[in-house]
Amino acid sequence: VVLTNFHVVEGSDYAEMKLHNNQETFGKVM
């Protein structure tokens, strides 16, 4: 589980992300 600001993910049910090891991934706004 990742925490962020709501205004960062506002407008989408899913969020794309990139980890510190450069791996790209995504998650669902819960």
PDB file of all heavy atoms in Angstrom:
ATOM      1  N   VAL A   1       0.846  -1.197   0.000  1.00  0.00           N
ATOM      2  CA  VAL A   1       0.000   0.000   0.000  1.00  0.00           C
ATOM      3  C   VAL A   1       0.878   1.242   0.000  1.00  0.00           C
ATOM      4  O   VAL A   1       1.793   1.374   0.826  1.00  0.00           O
ATOM      5  CB  VAL A   1      -0.952   0.038   1.212  1.00  0.00           C
ATOM      6  CG1 VAL A   1      -1.780   1.328   1.200  1.00  0.00           C
ATOM      7  CG2 VAL A   1      -1.878  -1.176   1.210  1.00  0.00           C
ATOM      8  N   VAL A   2       0.603   2.148  -0.934  1.00  0.00           N
ATOM      9  CA  VAL A   2       1.304   3.429  -1.028  1.00  0.00           C
ATOM     10  C   VAL A   2       0.350   4.546  -0.621  1.00  0.00           C
ATOM     11  O   VAL A   2      -0.832   4.537  -0.980  1.00  0.00           O
ATOM     12  CB  VAL A   2       1.822   3.666  -2.458  1.00  0.00           C
ATOM     13  CG1 VAL A   2       2.173   5.131  -2.697  1.00  0.00           C
ATOM     14  CG2 VAL A   2       3.049   2.797  -2.716  1.00  0.00           C
ATOM     15  N   LEU A   3       0.877   5.521   0.122  1.00  0.00           N
ATOM     16  CA  LEU A   3       0.104   6.701   0.498  1.00  0.00           C
ATOM     17  C   LEU A   3       0.632   7.898  -0.276  1.00  0.00           C
ATOM     18  O   LEU A   3       1.845   8.053  -0.437  1.00  0.00           O
ATOM     19  CB  LEU A   3       0.195   6.949   2.001  1.00  0.00           C
ATOM     20  CG  LEU A   3      -0.667   8.113   2.532  1.00  0.00           C
ATOM     21  CD1 LEU A   3      -1.293   7.737   3.869  1.00  0.00           C
ATOM     22  CD2 LEU A   3       0.148   9.398   2.696  1.00  0.00           C
ATOM     23  N   THR A   4      -0.291   8.763  -0.722  1.00  0.00           N
ATOM     24  CA  THR A   4       0.079   9.988  -1.435  1.00  0.00           C
ATOM     25  C   THR A   4      -1.003  11.021  -1.192  1.00  0.00           C
ATOM     26  O   THR A   4      -1.948  10.789  -0.418  1.00  0.00           O
ATOM     27  CB  THR A   4       0.269   9.713  -2.937  1.00  0.00           C
ATOM     28  OG1 THR A   4       0.736  10.907  -3.583  1.00  0.00           O
ATOM     29  CG2 THR A   4      -1.019   9.264  -3.588  1.00  0.00           C
ATOM     30  N   ASN A   5      -0.869  12.186  -1.843  1.00  0.00           N
ATOM     31  CA  ASN A   5      -1.941  13.179  -1.785  1.00  0.00           C
ATOM     32  C   ASN A   5      -3.079  12.783  -2.719  1.00  0.00           C
ATOM     33  O   ASN A   5      -2.849  12.217  -3.799  1.00  0.00           O
ATOM     34  CB  ASN A   5      -1.433  14.559  -2.201  1.00  0.00           C
ATOM     35  CG  ASN A   5      -0.592  15.236  -1.131  1.00  0.00           C
ATOM     36  OD1 ASN A   5       0.371  15.911  -1.434  1.00  0.00           O
ATOM     37  ND2 ASN A   5      -0.953  15.077   0.145  1.00  0.00           N
ATOM     38  N   PHE A   6      -4.300  13.139  -2.312  1.00  0.00           N
ATOM     39  CA  PHE A   6      -5.445  12.848  -3.178  1.00  0.00           C
ATOM     40  C   PHE A   6      -5.339  13.617  -4.492  1.00  0.00           C
ATOM     41  O   PHE A   6      -5.646  13.082  -5.563  1.00  0.00           O
ATOM     42  CB  PHE A   6      -6.759  13.206  -2.468  1.00  0.00           C
ATOM     43  CG  PHE A   6      -7.952  13.132  -3.382  1.00  0.00           C
ATOM     44  CD1 PHE A   6      -8.496  11.916  -3.758  1.00  0.00           C
ATOM     45  CD2 PHE A   6      -8.524  14.295  -3.902  1.00  0.00           C
ATOM     46  CE1 PHE A   6      -9.580  11.851  -4.613  1.00  0.00           C
ATOM     47  CE2 PHE A   6      -9.607  14.231  -4.753  1.00  0.00           C
ATOM     48  CZ  PHE A   6     -10.137  13.008  -5.115  1.00  0.00           C
ATOM     49  N   HIS A   7      -4.874  14.872  -4.423  1.00  0.00           N
ATOM     50  CA  HIS A   7      -4.853  15.667  -5.658  1.00  0.00           C
ATOM     51  C   HIS A   7      -3.840  15.126  -6.665  1.00  0.00           C
ATOM     52  O   HIS A   7      -3.882  15.465  -7.843  1.00  0.00           O
ATOM     53  CB  HIS A   7      -4.594  17.157  -5.354  1.00  0.00           C
ATOM     54  CG  HIS A   7      -3.179  17.499  -4.996  1.00  0.00           C
ATOM     55  ND1 HIS A   7      -2.750  17.699  -3.696  1.00  0.00           N
ATOM     56  CD2 HIS A   7      -2.081  17.687  -5.792  1.00  0.00           C
ATOM     57  CE1 HIS A   7      -1.465  18.001  -3.705  1.00  0.00           C
ATOM     58  NE2 HIS A   7      -1.026  18.005  -4.957  1.00  0.00           N
ATOM     59  N   VAL A   8      -2.921  14.249  -6.210  1.00  0.00           N
ATOM     60  CA  VAL A   8      -1.945  13.641  -7.122  1.00  0.00           C
ATOM     61  C   VAL A   8      -2.603  12.570  -7.987  1.00  0.00           C
ATOM     62  O   VAL A   8      -2.233  12.393  -9.149  1.00  0.00           O
ATOM     63  CB  VAL A   8      -0.760  13.056  -6.320  1.00  0.00           C
ATOM     64  CG1 VAL A   8       0.167  12.242  -7.219  1.00  0.00           C
ATOM     65  CG2 VAL A   8       0.025  14.175  -5.639  1.00  0.00           C
ATOM     66  N   VAL A   9      -3.582  11.832  -7.421  1.00  0.00           N
ATOM     67  CA  VAL A   9      -4.221  10.737  -8.173  1.00  0.00           C
ATOM     68  C   VAL A   9      -5.653  11.090  -8.586  1.00  0.00           C
ATOM     69  O   VAL A   9      -6.370  10.249  -9.131  1.00  0.00           O
ATOM     70  CB  VAL A   9      -4.224   9.434  -7.342  1.00  0.00           C
ATOM     71  CG1 VAL A   9      -2.820   8.949  -7.093  1.00  0.00           C
ATOM     72  CG2 VAL A   9      -4.977   9.623  -6.022  1.00  0.00           C
ATOM     73  N   GLU A  10      -6.078  12.324  -8.324  1.00  0.00           N
ATOM     74  CA  GLU A  10      -7.456  12.715  -8.620  1.00  0.00           C
ATOM     75  C   GLU A  10      -7.768  12.532 -10.106  1.00  0.00           C
ATOM     76  O   GLU A  10      -6.981  12.885 -10.974  1.00  0.00           O
ATOM     77  CB  GLU A  10      -7.677  14.183  -8.231  1.00  0.00           C
ATOM     78  CG  GLU A  10      -9.095  14.663  -8.470  1.00  0.00           C
ATOM     79  CD  GLU A  10      -9.293  16.108  -8.052  1.00  0.00           C
ATOM     80  OE1 GLU A  10      -8.295  16.746  -7.615  1.00  0.00           O
ATOM     81  OE2 GLU A  10     -10.418  16.601  -8.143  1.00  0.00           O
ATOM     82  N   GLY A  11      -8.945  11.961 -10.370  1.00  0.00           N
ATOM     83  CA  GLY A  11      -9.386  11.809 -11.750  1.00  0.00           C
ATOM     84  C   GLY A  11      -9.155  10.435 -12.325  1.00  0.00           C
ATOM     85  O   GLY A  11      -9.482  10.186 -13.493  1.00  0.00           O
ATOM     86  N   SER A  12      -8.609   9.495 -11.556  1.00  0.00           N
ATOM     87  CA  SER A  12      -8.352   8.162 -12.085  1.00  0.00           C
ATOM     88  C   SER A  12      -8.509   7.132 -10.981  1.00  0.00           C
ATOM     89  O   SER A  12      -8.189   7.397  -9.817  1.00  0.00           O
ATOM     90  CB  SER A  12      -6.934   8.075 -12.664  1.00  0.00           C
ATOM     91  OG  SER A  12      -6.670   6.771 -13.136  1.00  0.00           O
ATOM     92  N   ASP A  13      -8.993   5.951 -11.359  1.00  0.00           N
ATOM     93  CA  ASP A  13      -9.109   4.853 -10.398  1.00  0.00           C
ATOM     94  C   ASP A  13      -7.774   4.136 -10.215  1.00  0.00           C
ATOM     95  O   ASP A  13      -7.590   3.393  -9.247  1.00  0.00           O
ATOM     96  CB  ASP A  13     -10.165   3.837 -10.856  1.00  0.00           C
ATOM     97  CG  ASP A  13     -11.572   4.424 -10.819  1.00  0.00           C
ATOM     98  OD1 ASP A  13     -11.798   5.357 -10.023  1.00  0.00           O
ATOM     99  OD2 ASP A  13     -12.436   3.964 -11.591  1.00  0.00           O
ATOM    100  N   TYR A  14      -6.875   4.321 -11.167  1.00  0.00           N
ATOM    101  CA  TYR A  14      -5.573   3.650 -11.108  1.00  0.00           C
ATOM    102  C   TYR A  14      -4.463   4.694 -11.192  1.00  0.00           C
ATOM    103  O   TYR A  14      -4.658   5.788 -11.734  1.00  0.00           O
ATOM    104  CB  TYR A  14      -5.418   2.650 -12.251  1.00  0.00           C
ATOM    105  CG  TYR A  14      -6.363   1.473 -12.126  1.00  0.00           C
ATOM    106  CD1 TYR A  14      -7.636   1.523 -12.695  1.00  0.00           C
ATOM    107  CD2 TYR A  14      -5.976   0.324 -11.443  1.00  0.00           C
ATOM    108  CE1 TYR A  14      -8.517   0.450 -12.572  1.00  0.00           C
ATOM    109  CE2 TYR A  14      -6.849  -0.750 -11.321  1.00  0.00           C
ATOM    110  CZ  TYR A  14      -8.114  -0.680 -11.887  1.00  0.00           C
ATOM    111  OH  TYR A  14      -8.969  -1.739 -11.759  1.00  0.00           O
ATOM    112  N   ALA A  15      -3.297   4.333 -10.638  1.00  0.00           N
ATOM    113  CA  ALA A  15      -2.155   5.251 -10.660  1.00  0.00           C
ATOM    114  C   ALA A  15      -0.909   4.492 -11.127  1.00  0.00           C
ATOM    115  O   ALA A  15      -0.627   3.395 -10.641  1.00  0.00           O
ATOM    116  CB  ALA A  15      -1.923   5.836  -9.271  1.00  0.00           C
ATOM    117  N   GLU A  16      -0.213   5.101 -12.082  1.00  0.00           N
ATOM    118  CA  GLU A  16       1.065   4.519 -12.529  1.00  0.00           C
ATOM    119  C   GLU A  16       2.177   5.023 -11.625  1.00  0.00           C
ATOM    120  O   GLU A  16       2.172   6.178 -11.198  1.00  0.00           O
ATOM    121  CB  GLU A  16       1.349   4.927 -13.977  1.00  0.00           C
ATOM    122  CG  GLU A  16       0.391   4.323 -14.981  1.00  0.00           C
ATOM    123  CD  GLU A  16       0.799   4.627 -16.412  1.00  0.00           C
ATOM    124  OE1 GLU A  16       2.017   4.734 -16.662  1.00  0.00           O
ATOM    125  OE2 GLU A  16      -0.102   4.771 -17.248  1.00  0.00           O
ATOM    126  N   MET A  17       3.155   4.136 -11.359  1.00  0.00           N
ATOM    127  CA  MET A  17       4.232   4.495 -10.433  1.00  0.00           C
ATOM    128  C   MET A  17       5.572   3.920 -10.905  1.00  0.00           C
ATOM    129  O   MET A  17       5.617   2.989 -11.707  1.00  0.00           O
ATOM    130  CB  MET A  17       3.918   3.957  -9.034  1.00  0.00           C
ATOM    131  CG  MET A  17       2.649   4.528  -8.437  1.00  0.00           C
ATOM    132  SD  MET A  17       2.442   4.083  -6.723  1.00  0.00           S
ATOM    133  CE  MET A  17       0.786   4.739  -6.459  1.00  0.00           C
ATOM    134  N   LYS A  18       6.609   4.506 -10.369  1.00  0.00           N
ATOM    135  CA  LYS A  18       7.966   4.024 -10.632  1.00  0.00           C
ATOM    136  C   LYS A  18       8.704   3.955  -9.313  1.00  0.00           C
ATOM    137  O   LYS A  18       8.711   4.927  -8.551  1.00  0.00           O
ATOM    138  CB  LYS A  18       8.691   4.960 -11.599  1.00  0.00           C
ATOM    139  CG  LYS A  18      10.045   4.440 -12.063  1.00  0.00           C
ATOM    140  CD  LYS A  18      10.641   5.391 -13.094  1.00  0.00           C
ATOM    141  CE  LYS A  18      11.981   4.868 -13.612  1.00  0.00           C
ATOM    142  NZ  LYS A  18      12.569   5.782 -14.615  1.00  0.00           N
ATOM    143  N   LEU A  19       9.310   2.785  -9.046  1.00  0.00           N
ATOM    144  CA  LEU A  19      10.014   2.590  -7.787  1.00  0.00           C
ATOM    145  C   LEU A  19      11.440   3.132  -7.874  1.00  0.00           C
ATOM    146  O   LEU A  19      11.940   3.472  -8.952  1.00  0.00           O
ATOM    147  CB  LEU A  19      10.041   1.107  -7.431  1.00  0.00           C
ATOM    148  CG  LEU A  19       8.683   0.376  -7.400  1.00  0.00           C
ATOM    149  CD1 LEU A  19       8.872  -1.049  -6.921  1.00  0.00           C
ATOM    150  CD2 LEU A  19       7.679   1.110  -6.538  1.00  0.00           C
ATOM    151  N   HIS A  20      12.102   3.165  -6.734  1.00  0.00           N
ATOM    152  CA  HIS A  20      13.463   3.681  -6.693  1.00  0.00           C
ATOM    153  C   HIS A  20      14.430   2.822  -7.507  1.00  0.00           C
ATOM    154  O   HIS A  20      15.441   3.311  -8.022  1.00  0.00           O
ATOM    155  CB  HIS A  20      13.933   3.751  -5.227  1.00  0.00           C
ATOM    156  CG  HIS A  20      15.269   4.375  -5.059  1.00  0.00           C
ATOM    157  ND1 HIS A  20      16.346   3.726  -4.479  1.00  0.00           N
ATOM    158  CD2 HIS A  20      15.735   5.613  -5.417  1.00  0.00           C
ATOM    159  CE1 HIS A  20      17.390   4.524  -4.480  1.00  0.00           C
ATOM    160  NE2 HIS A  20      17.056   5.675  -5.034  1.00  0.00           N
ATOM    161  N   ASN A  21      14.099   1.538  -7.678  1.00  0.00           N
ATOM    162  CA  ASN A  21      14.960   0.643  -8.473  1.00  0.00           C
ATOM    163  C   ASN A  21      14.617   0.708  -9.959  1.00  0.00           C
ATOM    164  O   ASN A  21      15.008  -0.168 -10.731  1.00  0.00           O
ATOM    165  CB  ASN A  21      14.850  -0.792  -7.960  1.00  0.00           C
ATOM    166  CG  ASN A  21      13.418  -1.334  -8.066  1.00  0.00           C
ATOM    167  OD1 ASN A  21      12.538  -0.694  -8.653  1.00  0.00           O
ATOM    168  ND2 ASN A  21      13.201  -2.504  -7.493  1.00  0.00           N
ATOM    169  N   ASN A  22      13.847   1.735 -10.340  1.00  0.00           N
ATOM    170  CA  ASN A  22      13.447   1.997 -11.726  1.00  0.00           C
ATOM    171  C   ASN A  22      12.388   1.030 -12.262  1.00  0.00           C
ATOM    172  O   ASN A  22      12.052   1.069 -13.446  1.00  0.00           O
ATOM    173  CB  ASN A  22      14.657   1.989 -12.678  1.00  0.00           C
ATOM    174  CG  ASN A  22      15.563   3.184 -12.423  1.00  0.00           C
ATOM    175  OD1 ASN A  22      15.071   4.283 -12.150  1.00  0.00           O
ATOM    176  ND2 ASN A  22      16.873   2.977 -12.499  1.00  0.00           N
ATOM    177  N   GLN A  23      11.889   0.163 -11.417  1.00  0.00           N
ATOM    178  CA  GLN A  23      10.810  -0.725 -11.852  1.00  0.00           C
ATOM    179  C   GLN A  23       9.509   0.063 -11.940  1.00  0.00           C
ATOM    180  O   GLN A  23       9.141   0.785 -11.020  1.00  0.00           O
ATOM    181  CB  GLN A  23      10.650  -1.880 -10.854  1.00  0.00           C
ATOM    182  CG  GLN A  23       9.534  -2.849 -11.228  1.00  0.00           C
ATOM    183  CD  GLN A  23       9.348  -3.954 -10.183  1.00  0.00           C
ATOM    184  OE1 GLN A  23      10.125  -4.056  -9.240  1.00  0.00           O
ATOM    185  NE2 GLN A  23       8.335  -4.770 -10.367  1.00  0.00           N
ATOM    186  N   GLU A  24       8.800  -0.074 -13.054  1.00  0.00           N
ATOM    187  CA  GLU A  24       7.509   0.595 -13.224  1.00  0.00           C
ATOM    188  C   GLU A  24       6.383  -0.345 -12.807  1.00  0.00           C
ATOM    189  O   GLU A  24       6.443  -1.551 -13.063  1.00  0.00           O
ATOM    190  CB  GLU A  24       7.323   1.038 -14.678  1.00  0.00           C
ATOM    191  CG  GLU A  24       8.287   2.145 -15.090  1.00  0.00           C
ATOM    192  CD  GLU A  24       7.999   2.679 -16.481  1.00  0.00           C
ATOM    193  OE1 GLU A  24       7.170   2.051 -17.169  1.00  0.00           O
ATOM    194  OE2 GLU A  24       8.587   3.700 -16.860  1.00  0.00           O
ATOM    195  N   THR A  25       5.374   0.211 -12.219  1.00  0.00           N
ATOM    196  CA  THR A  25       4.246  -0.591 -11.745  1.00  0.00           C
ATOM    197  C   THR A  25       3.015   0.313 -11.654  1.00  0.00           C
ATOM    198  O   THR A  25       3.057   1.484 -12.054  1.00  0.00           O
ATOM    199  CB  THR A  25       4.575  -1.221 -10.379  1.00  0.00           C
ATOM    200  OG1 THR A  25       3.504  -2.095  -9.997  1.00  0.00           O
ATOM    201  CG2 THR A  25       4.762  -0.162  -9.296  1.00  0.00           C
ATOM    202  N   PHE A  26       1.921  -0.234 -11.154  1.00  0.00           N
ATOM    203  CA  PHE A  26       0.705   0.573 -10.978  1.00  0.00           C
ATOM    204  C   PHE A  26      -0.091   0.000  -9.803  1.00  0.00           C
ATOM    205  O   PHE A  26       0.175  -1.098  -9.309  1.00  0.00           O
ATOM    206  CB  PHE A  26      -0.144   0.597 -12.254  1.00  0.00           C
ATOM    207  CG  PHE A  26      -0.797  -0.720 -12.579  1.00  0.00           C
ATOM    208  CD1 PHE A  26      -2.092  -0.990 -12.172  1.00  0.00           C
ATOM    209  CD2 PHE A  26      -0.106  -1.686 -13.298  1.00  0.00           C
ATOM    210  CE1 PHE A  26      -2.683  -2.199 -12.470  1.00  0.00           C
ATOM    211  CE2 PHE A  26      -0.699  -2.896 -13.600  1.00  0.00           C
ATOM    212  CZ  PHE A  26      -1.993  -3.171 -13.180  1.00  0.00           C
ATOM    213  N   GLY A  27      -1.063   0.762  -9.392  1.00  0.00           N
ATOM    214  CA  GLY A  27      -1.929   0.321  -8.288  1.00  0.00           C
ATOM    215  C   GLY A  27      -3.319   0.920  -8.439  1.00  0.00           C
ATOM    216  O   GLY A  27      -3.544   1.835  -9.235  1.00  0.00           O
ATOM    217  N   LYS A  28      -4.252   0.397  -7.657  1.00  0.00           N
ATOM    218  CA  LYS A  28      -5.644   0.864  -7.688  1.00  0.00           C
ATOM    219  C   LYS A  28      -5.909   1.767  -6.484  1.00  0.00           C
ATOM    220  O   LYS A  28      -5.547   1.426  -5.352  1.00  0.00           O
ATOM    221  CB  LYS A  28      -6.610  -0.323  -7.651  1.00  0.00           C
ATOM    222  CG  LYS A  28      -8.088   0.079  -7.674  1.00  0.00           C
ATOM    223  CD  LYS A  28      -8.985  -1.137  -7.750  1.00  0.00           C
ATOM    224  CE  LYS A  28     -10.445  -0.762  -7.653  1.00  0.00           C
ATOM    225  NZ  LYS A  28     -10.883   0.192  -8.675  1.00  0.00           N
ATOM    226  N   VAL A  29      -6.528   2.903  -6.745  1.00  0.00           N
ATOM    227  CA  VAL A  29      -6.883   3.827  -5.656  1.00  0.00           C
ATOM    228  C   VAL A  29      -7.946   3.153  -4.796  1.00  0.00           C
ATOM    229  O   VAL A  29      -9.035   2.827  -5.278  1.00  0.00           O
ATOM    230  CB  VAL A  29      -7.394   5.169  -6.203  1.00  0.00           C
ATOM    231  CG1 VAL A  29      -7.783   6.089  -5.049  1.00  0.00           C
ATOM    232  CG2 VAL A  29      -6.332   5.825  -7.083  1.00  0.00           C
ATOM    233  N   MET A  30      -7.647   2.932  -3.525  1.00  0.00           N
ATOM    234  CA  MET A  30      -8.558   2.171  -2.662  1.00  0.00           C
ATOM    235  C   MET A  30      -9.301   3.037  -1.647  1.00  0.00           C
ATOM    236  O   MET A  30     -10.363   2.651  -1.154  1.00  0.00           O
ATOM    237  CB  MET A  30      -7.790   1.076  -1.903  1.00  0.00           C
ATOM    238  CG  MET A  30      -6.666   1.595  -1.024  1.00  0.00           C
ATOM    239  SD  MET A  30      -5.757   0.268  -0.164  1.00  0.00           S
ATOM    240  CE  MET A  30      -6.918  -0.192   1.105  1.00  0.00           C
TER     241      MET A  30
END
